[in-house]
Protein backbone atom coordinates (compact mmCIF):
# COMPACT_ATOMS: atom_id res chain seq x y z
CA UNK A 1 20.55 -13.95 27.84
CA UNK A 2 18.20 -14.38 30.78
CA UNK A 3 15.90 -11.64 29.49
CA UNK A 4 16.11 -13.07 25.97
CA UNK A 5 15.09 -16.56 27.12
CA UNK A 6 12.29 -15.09 29.23
CA UNK A 7 10.91 -13.16 26.25
CA UNK A 8 11.04 -16.20 23.98
CA UNK A 9 9.12 -18.24 26.55
CA UNK A 10 6.56 -15.48 26.94
CA UNK A 11 6.03 -15.18 23.17
CA UNK A 12 5.59 -18.94 22.76
CA UNK A 13 3.35 -19.45 25.80
CA UNK A 14 1.09 -16.42 25.30
CA UNK A 15 -1.29 -17.15 22.35
CA UNK A 16 -2.11 -13.47 21.77
CA UNK A 17 1.53 -12.46 21.56
CA UNK A 18 2.42 -15.47 19.39
CA UNK A 19 -0.38 -14.49 17.01
CA UNK A 20 0.70 -10.85 16.80
CA UNK A 21 4.41 -11.55 16.36
CA UNK A 22 4.48 -14.56 14.06
CA UNK A 23 1.12 -15.29 12.41
CA UNK A 24 -0.67 -11.96 12.07
CA UNK A 25 1.47 -10.44 9.26
CA UNK A 26 0.49 -13.14 6.75
CA UNK A 27 -3.22 -12.94 7.60
CA UNK A 28 -3.30 -9.14 7.63
CA UNK A 29 -1.54 -9.08 4.24
CA UNK A 30 -4.42 -11.07 2.72
CA UNK A 31 -6.98 -8.62 4.09
CA UNK A 32 -5.10 -5.49 3.07
CA UNK A 33 -4.27 -6.87 -0.37
CA UNK A 34 -7.95 -7.46 -0.99
CA UNK A 35 -8.70 -3.84 -0.11
CA UNK A 36 -5.77 -1.93 -1.59
CA UNK A 37 -4.46 -4.17 -4.36
CA UNK A 38 -7.58 -5.21 -6.21
CA UNK A 39 -6.26 -3.58 -9.41
CA UNK A 40 -8.34 -1.86 -12.05
CA UNK A 41 -11.96 -2.98 -11.91
CA UNK A 42 -14.39 -3.24 -14.80
CA UNK A 43 -16.72 -0.22 -14.73
CA UNK A 44 -20.37 -0.61 -15.65
CA UNK A 45 -21.07 1.90 -18.42
CA UNK A 46 -24.44 2.98 -19.83
CA UNK A 47 -24.41 3.98 -23.50
CA UNK A 48 -27.14 5.96 -25.26
CA UNK A 49 -26.54 6.14 -29.02
CA UNK A 50 -28.72 8.94 -30.41
CA UNK A 51 -26.89 9.01 -33.76
CA UNK A 52 -27.47 5.41 -34.93
CA UNK A 53 -24.78 5.46 -37.60
CA UNK A 54 -21.93 3.12 -38.45
CA UNK A 55 -19.42 5.55 -36.91
CA UNK A 56 -21.36 5.81 -33.66
CA UNK A 57 -21.55 2.02 -33.53
CA UNK A 58 -17.81 1.85 -34.20
CA UNK A 59 -17.20 4.24 -31.29
CA UNK A 60 -19.44 2.09 -29.07
CA UNK A 61 -17.46 -0.99 -30.10
CA UNK A 62 -14.25 0.79 -29.11
CA UNK A 63 -15.59 1.29 -25.58
CA UNK A 64 -16.32 -2.43 -25.19
CA UNK A 65 -13.11 -3.63 -26.85
CA UNK A 66 -11.35 -4.48 -23.58
CA UNK A 67 -12.04 -5.12 -19.91
CA UNK A 68 -12.23 -1.46 -18.86
CA UNK A 69 -16.00 -1.19 -19.37
CA UNK A 70 -19.04 -3.43 -19.26
CA UNK A 71 -21.36 -1.62 -21.68
CA UNK A 72 -25.16 -1.72 -21.46
CA UNK A 73 -27.41 0.26 -23.82
CA UNK A 74 -30.08 2.69 -22.63
CA UNK A 75 -32.58 4.93 -24.41
CA UNK A 76 -33.13 7.99 -22.23
CA UNK A 77 -31.87 10.27 -19.45
CA UNK A 78 -34.46 8.86 -17.08
CA UNK A 79 -32.94 5.40 -17.41
CA UNK A 80 -29.45 6.81 -16.92
CA UNK A 81 -30.49 8.63 -13.74
CA UNK A 82 -32.23 5.53 -12.42
CA UNK A 83 -29.11 3.41 -12.94
CA UNK A 84 -26.93 6.04 -11.26
CA UNK A 85 -29.28 6.29 -8.29
CA UNK A 86 -29.20 2.51 -7.81
CA UNK A 87 -25.40 2.55 -8.26
CA UNK A 88 -25.66 0.05 -11.09
CA UNK A 89 -23.31 2.06 -13.31
CA UNK A 90 -20.25 4.20 -12.74
CA UNK A 91 -20.63 6.36 -15.82
CA UNK A 92 -22.84 7.03 -18.83
CA UNK A 93 -21.95 8.08 -22.39
CA UNK A 94 -24.45 9.85 -24.67
CA UNK A 95 -23.57 10.04 -28.39
CA UNK A 96 -25.52 13.02 -29.80
CA UNK A 97 -27.26 13.20 -33.19
CA UNK A 98 -24.96 14.35 -35.99
CA UNK A 99 -21.92 12.69 -34.40
CA UNK A 100 -20.86 10.96 -37.64
CA UNK A 101 -21.33 14.09 -39.76
CA UNK A 102 -19.07 16.14 -37.50
CA UNK A 103 -16.41 13.43 -37.43
CA UNK A 104 -16.38 13.14 -41.21
CA UNK A 105 -16.18 16.93 -41.65
CA UNK A 106 -13.21 17.09 -39.27
CA UNK A 107 -15.18 19.16 -36.77
CA UNK A 108 -15.15 18.60 -33.05
CA UNK A 109 -17.65 15.87 -32.22
CA UNK A 110 -18.67 16.31 -28.58
CA UNK A 111 -19.79 13.28 -26.60
CA UNK A 112 -21.57 13.74 -23.28
CA UNK A 113 -20.15 11.84 -20.32
CA UNK A 114 -21.98 11.59 -16.99
CA UNK A 115 -19.89 10.33 -14.08
CA UNK A 116 -21.05 9.08 -10.70
CA UNK A 117 -19.40 11.83 -8.67
CA UNK A 118 -20.12 10.15 -5.33
CA UNK A 119 -17.24 7.70 -5.88
CA UNK A 120 -14.37 9.94 -6.96
CA UNK A 121 -11.99 7.01 -7.50
CA UNK A 122 -14.29 5.27 -9.97
CA UNK A 123 -15.11 8.59 -11.62
CA UNK A 124 -11.43 9.36 -12.18
CA UNK A 125 -10.75 5.86 -13.49
CA UNK A 126 -13.72 6.08 -15.87
CA UNK A 127 -12.72 9.53 -17.17
CA UNK A 128 -9.16 8.42 -17.87
CA UNK A 129 -10.28 5.24 -19.63
CA UNK A 130 -12.81 7.12 -21.76
CA UNK A 131 -10.13 9.58 -22.90
CA UNK A 132 -7.90 6.69 -23.88
CA UNK A 133 -10.66 4.95 -25.85
CA UNK A 134 -11.54 8.21 -27.59
CA UNK A 135 -7.91 8.60 -28.65
CA UNK A 136 -7.86 5.03 -29.98
CA UNK A 137 -11.04 5.74 -31.95
CA UNK A 138 -9.48 8.85 -33.50
CA UNK A 139 -6.34 6.98 -34.51
CA UNK A 140 -8.39 4.19 -36.08
CA UNK A 141 -10.23 6.73 -38.23
CA UNK A 142 -7.17 8.54 -39.53
CA UNK A 143 -6.37 6.05 -42.34
CA UNK A 144 -9.88 5.22 -43.70
CA UNK A 145 -10.80 8.91 -43.85
CA UNK A 146 -7.56 9.77 -45.72
CA UNK A 147 -6.33 11.98 -42.92
CA UNK A 148 -2.66 12.37 -42.09
CA UNK A 149 -1.70 10.33 -39.06
CA UNK A 150 -0.80 12.06 -35.85
CA UNK A 151 2.86 13.13 -35.77
CA UNK A 152 3.35 11.54 -32.38
CA UNK A 153 1.73 8.49 -30.87
CA UNK A 154 2.45 7.66 -27.24
CA UNK A 155 2.29 4.04 -26.15
CA UNK A 156 3.23 3.60 -22.52
CA UNK A 157 4.65 0.46 -20.99
CA UNK A 158 5.51 -0.11 -17.34
CA UNK A 159 9.07 -1.17 -16.69
CA UNK A 160 9.40 -4.19 -14.37
CA UNK A 161 5.62 -4.70 -14.20
CA UNK A 162 3.05 -6.58 -16.22
CA UNK A 163 -0.57 -5.63 -16.86
CA UNK A 164 -1.31 -6.04 -13.13
CA UNK A 165 0.99 -3.11 -12.37
CA UNK A 166 -1.08 -1.61 -9.55
CA UNK A 167 -1.51 -4.94 -7.77
CA UNK A 168 2.14 -5.96 -8.08
CA UNK A 169 3.31 -2.57 -6.88
CA UNK A 170 0.92 -2.32 -3.93
CA UNK A 171 1.38 -5.74 -2.31
CA UNK A 172 5.15 -5.40 -1.57
CA UNK A 173 4.45 -1.92 -0.19
CA UNK A 174 2.00 -3.45 2.29
CA UNK A 175 4.70 -5.59 3.92
CA UNK A 176 5.91 -2.79 6.25
CA UNK A 177 2.30 -2.20 7.29
CA UNK A 178 1.60 -5.82 8.21
CA UNK A 179 4.73 -5.92 10.37
CA UNK A 180 3.23 -3.17 12.52
CA UNK A 181 1.51 -5.82 14.66
CA UNK A 182 4.73 -7.61 15.74
CA UNK A 183 6.23 -4.18 16.46
CA UNK A 184 3.18 -3.20 18.52
CA UNK A 185 3.56 -6.44 20.50
CA UNK A 186 6.97 -5.23 21.73
CA UNK A 187 5.48 -1.97 23.02
CA UNK A 188 2.62 -3.87 24.67
CA UNK A 189 5.04 -6.30 26.35
CA UNK A 190 6.94 -3.47 28.03
CA UNK A 191 3.76 -1.64 29.04
CA UNK A 192 2.22 -4.87 30.35
CA UNK A 193 5.16 -5.52 32.68
CA UNK A 194 4.75 -2.03 34.12
CA UNK A 195 0.98 -2.42 34.44
CA UNK A 196 0.98 -5.90 36.01
CA UNK A 197 3.86 -5.19 38.38
CA UNK A 198 6.25 -7.82 37.02
CA UNK A 199 8.79 -5.06 36.42
CA UNK A 200 9.20 -4.82 40.19
CA UNK A 201 10.84 -8.25 40.22
CA UNK A 202 13.24 -7.20 37.48
CA UNK A 203 14.18 -4.05 39.37
CA UNK A 204 15.46 -6.22 42.22
CA UNK A 205 17.78 -8.20 39.88
CA UNK A 206 21.28 -7.23 38.72
CA UNK A 207 20.00 -6.86 35.13
CA UNK A 208 20.83 -3.41 33.80
CA UNK A 209 18.54 -1.27 31.68
CA UNK A 210 20.37 -1.77 28.35
CA UNK A 211 20.46 -5.54 28.96
CA UNK A 212 16.74 -5.59 29.68
CA UNK A 213 15.85 -3.60 26.55
CA UNK A 214 18.41 -5.48 24.44
CA UNK A 215 16.88 -8.83 25.38
CA UNK A 216 13.43 -7.62 24.40
CA UNK A 217 14.72 -6.05 21.19
CA UNK A 218 16.50 -9.20 19.99
CA UNK A 219 13.59 -11.46 20.94
CA UNK A 220 10.95 -9.51 19.05
CA UNK A 221 13.16 -8.75 16.04
CA UNK A 222 14.17 -12.37 15.52
CA UNK A 223 10.66 -13.73 16.12
CA UNK A 224 9.11 -11.23 13.71
CA UNK A 225 11.85 -12.04 11.19
CA UNK A 226 10.70 -15.67 11.18
CA UNK A 227 7.27 -14.37 10.21
CA UNK A 228 8.80 -12.95 7.02
CA UNK A 229 8.84 -16.44 5.47
CA UNK A 230 5.05 -16.92 5.27
CA UNK A 231 4.65 -13.32 4.11
CA UNK A 232 7.20 -13.85 1.31
CA UNK A 233 5.60 -17.15 0.24
CA UNK A 234 2.15 -15.58 0.30
CA UNK A 235 3.27 -12.60 -1.77
CA UNK A 236 4.98 -14.67 -4.46
CA UNK A 237 2.82 -17.81 -4.60
CA UNK A 238 -0.67 -16.65 -3.63
CA UNK A 239 -0.63 -13.19 -5.24
CA UNK A 240 1.86 -13.98 -8.01
CA UNK A 241 4.09 -10.95 -7.38
CA UNK A 242 7.47 -11.49 -9.08
CA UNK A 243 10.49 -11.72 -6.80
CA UNK A 244 13.64 -10.71 -8.65
CA UNK A 245 15.90 -9.96 -5.69
CA UNK A 246 18.05 -11.90 -3.24
CA UNK A 247 16.11 -13.55 -0.37
CA UNK A 248 19.03 -13.15 2.02
CA UNK A 249 19.23 -9.44 1.21
CA UNK A 250 15.51 -9.09 1.85
CA UNK A 251 15.92 -10.83 5.23
CA UNK A 252 18.87 -8.59 6.13
CA UNK A 253 17.04 -5.38 5.27
CA UNK A 254 13.90 -6.60 7.03
CA UNK A 255 15.99 -7.08 10.17
CA UNK A 256 17.28 -3.52 9.67
CA UNK A 257 13.68 -2.28 9.46
CA UNK A 258 12.59 -4.29 12.51
CA UNK A 259 15.49 -2.95 14.59
CA UNK A 260 14.37 0.61 13.92
CA UNK A 261 10.67 -0.15 14.41
CA UNK A 262 11.04 -2.24 17.58
CA UNK A 263 13.44 0.39 18.96
CA UNK A 264 10.71 2.99 18.42
CA UNK A 265 8.16 0.63 19.99
CA UNK A 266 10.28 0.19 23.13
CA UNK A 267 10.60 3.96 23.38
CA UNK A 268 6.80 4.16 23.27
CA UNK A 269 6.53 1.38 25.85
CA UNK A 270 8.78 3.39 28.18
CA UNK A 271 6.43 6.36 28.00
CA UNK A 272 3.15 4.44 28.27
CA UNK A 273 1.82 3.47 31.69
CA UNK A 274 -0.79 0.99 30.45
CA UNK A 275 -1.36 -1.40 27.56
CA UNK A 276 -4.30 0.64 26.36
CA UNK A 277 -2.19 3.77 26.10
CA UNK A 278 0.60 1.87 24.34
CA UNK A 279 -1.91 0.42 21.84
CA UNK A 280 -3.38 3.81 20.96
CA UNK A 281 0.05 5.44 20.57
CA UNK A 282 1.39 2.55 18.49
CA UNK A 283 -1.64 2.59 16.17
CA UNK A 284 -1.23 6.30 15.50
CA UNK A 285 2.51 5.97 14.89
CA UNK A 286 2.91 2.65 13.07
CA UNK A 287 -0.38 1.62 11.46
CA UNK A 288 -2.27 4.76 10.42
CA UNK A 289 0.67 6.82 9.03
CA UNK A 290 1.86 3.76 7.13
CA UNK A 291 -0.92 4.25 4.57
CA UNK A 292 -0.64 7.99 4.04
CA UNK A 293 2.85 9.24 4.97
CA UNK A 294 5.20 6.54 3.65
CA UNK A 295 4.71 6.96 -0.09
CA UNK A 296 2.77 3.73 -0.37
CA UNK A 297 -0.26 5.28 -2.09
CA UNK A 298 0.92 8.76 -3.08
CA UNK A 299 4.43 10.24 -3.32
CA UNK A 300 5.72 12.12 -0.30
CA UNK A 301 5.05 15.86 -0.56
CA UNK A 302 8.55 17.29 -0.25
CA UNK A 303 7.22 20.86 -0.37
CA UNK A 304 5.78 20.37 3.12
CA UNK A 305 8.85 20.41 5.36
CA UNK A 306 7.06 19.22 8.50
CA UNK A 307 5.23 16.44 6.68
CA UNK A 308 8.45 15.32 4.97
CA UNK A 309 10.31 15.25 8.29
CA UNK A 310 7.61 13.07 9.85
CA UNK A 311 7.55 10.76 6.82
CA UNK A 312 11.30 10.19 6.75
CA UNK A 313 11.39 9.65 10.52
CA UNK A 314 9.17 6.60 10.05
CA UNK A 315 11.03 3.33 9.29
CA UNK A 316 8.14 2.20 7.07
CA UNK A 317 8.86 5.02 4.59
CA UNK A 318 12.27 3.59 3.75
CA UNK A 319 11.16 -0.04 3.88
CA UNK A 320 8.38 0.59 1.34
CA UNK A 321 11.09 1.68 -1.12
CA UNK A 322 13.21 -1.35 -0.27
CA UNK A 323 10.41 -3.91 -0.66
CA UNK A 324 9.33 -2.58 -4.05
CA UNK A 325 12.92 -2.42 -5.29
CA UNK A 326 13.88 -5.92 -4.10
CA UNK A 327 10.71 -7.64 -5.28
CA UNK A 328 10.13 -5.90 -8.60
CA UNK A 329 13.53 -4.60 -9.72
CA UNK A 330 15.89 -7.10 -8.14
CA UNK A 331 17.91 -4.22 -6.67
CA UNK A 332 21.06 -4.95 -4.69
CA UNK A 333 22.43 -3.35 -1.53
CA UNK A 334 24.57 -0.81 -3.40
CA UNK A 335 21.53 0.45 -5.30
CA UNK A 336 19.54 0.77 -2.06
CA UNK A 337 22.21 2.27 0.16
CA UNK A 338 20.17 5.39 0.94
CA UNK A 339 17.06 3.72 2.48
CA UNK A 340 19.25 1.04 4.08
CA UNK A 341 21.48 3.65 5.71
CA UNK A 342 18.44 5.64 6.79
CA UNK A 343 17.04 2.57 8.57
CA UNK A 344 20.38 1.94 10.26
CA UNK A 345 20.50 5.55 11.50
CA UNK A 346 16.90 5.33 12.73
CA UNK A 347 17.76 2.09 14.54
CA UNK A 348 20.59 3.80 16.42
CA UNK A 349 18.46 6.84 17.23
CA UNK A 350 15.39 4.97 18.51
CA UNK A 351 17.37 2.35 20.45
CA UNK A 352 19.39 5.17 22.01
CA UNK A 353 16.27 7.08 22.98
CA UNK A 354 14.73 3.92 24.41
CA UNK A 355 17.82 3.30 26.55
CA UNK A 356 17.96 6.89 27.77
CA UNK A 357 14.29 7.02 28.72
CA UNK A 358 14.22 3.62 30.48
CA UNK A 359 14.65 3.91 34.21
CA UNK A 360 15.18 0.82 36.30
CA UNK A 361 12.74 1.80 38.98
CA UNK A 362 9.02 1.51 39.70
CA UNK A 363 7.11 4.77 39.22
């Protein structure tokens, strides 16, 4: 209890620690959501119609029928190249002469597409959208041209998500990332006491190692848990992400995640001899892998055994699954027993390693 009270006082009195533990997750979520959850953007598209027929104009109208493209008309390759060089467009479509004749004769009607290959994300988005619009154009022509309709028409719809599927899926997955700062604060607190010499005073007290680490663990877990409230309000009210789960269950599983993460942070703090070292190690373990190894952006590659082992050893990997399931699906504890149990096991492992590596002596 003495260590717990001391840690609470330190968190409240130290503005930097108070910012990292309580306030930073909500502010970092805004910044990361702007970067990673902007959703599908409207692509500027240049269109050169060399056919000048009603069918070519109908195809052009199909491209501008929704918010995927902002179409501007050009009249030459030189203009297309100039727009690409100035990055004013992401793609260009050239409808060749004889387009309508080939369509009406049921022949393949090629359309030239020029993509800005410098930005591979925009190029991929533009290529996929153009294929979809071309398919819509073909389906629209099947009845007027007395052609049999396609035997199979696929119309996809995302379960649990609206039209802003990418945004609503990404923002809950960012919650484990934004809680990296409160977790890093725990590692810095332990390293700071070693660096400044305040650990020498604790060595002379009857406080045992597990009591010392337990006080720190409870203090940082509970303080960071309070910071979940502004993050939850920001996610649901500011960004409009639906919350279909139980708030108490979300708080319980967040505490499970924080126990595992803070336990890992205290293990790092035991190994680090300075705050700078602890910061670098924590960034490379909590913040950077959170984007690439947790399944937030791309699924985990299970064919790579080493990569999979590293991914599943990170608490953020399991909490990404939990946040998406609680927010978007309204999943309960029974349905999420695997990631919940994994976090509990990681909590025991990392807290045990932290206790074993902590030595109550000045080195």
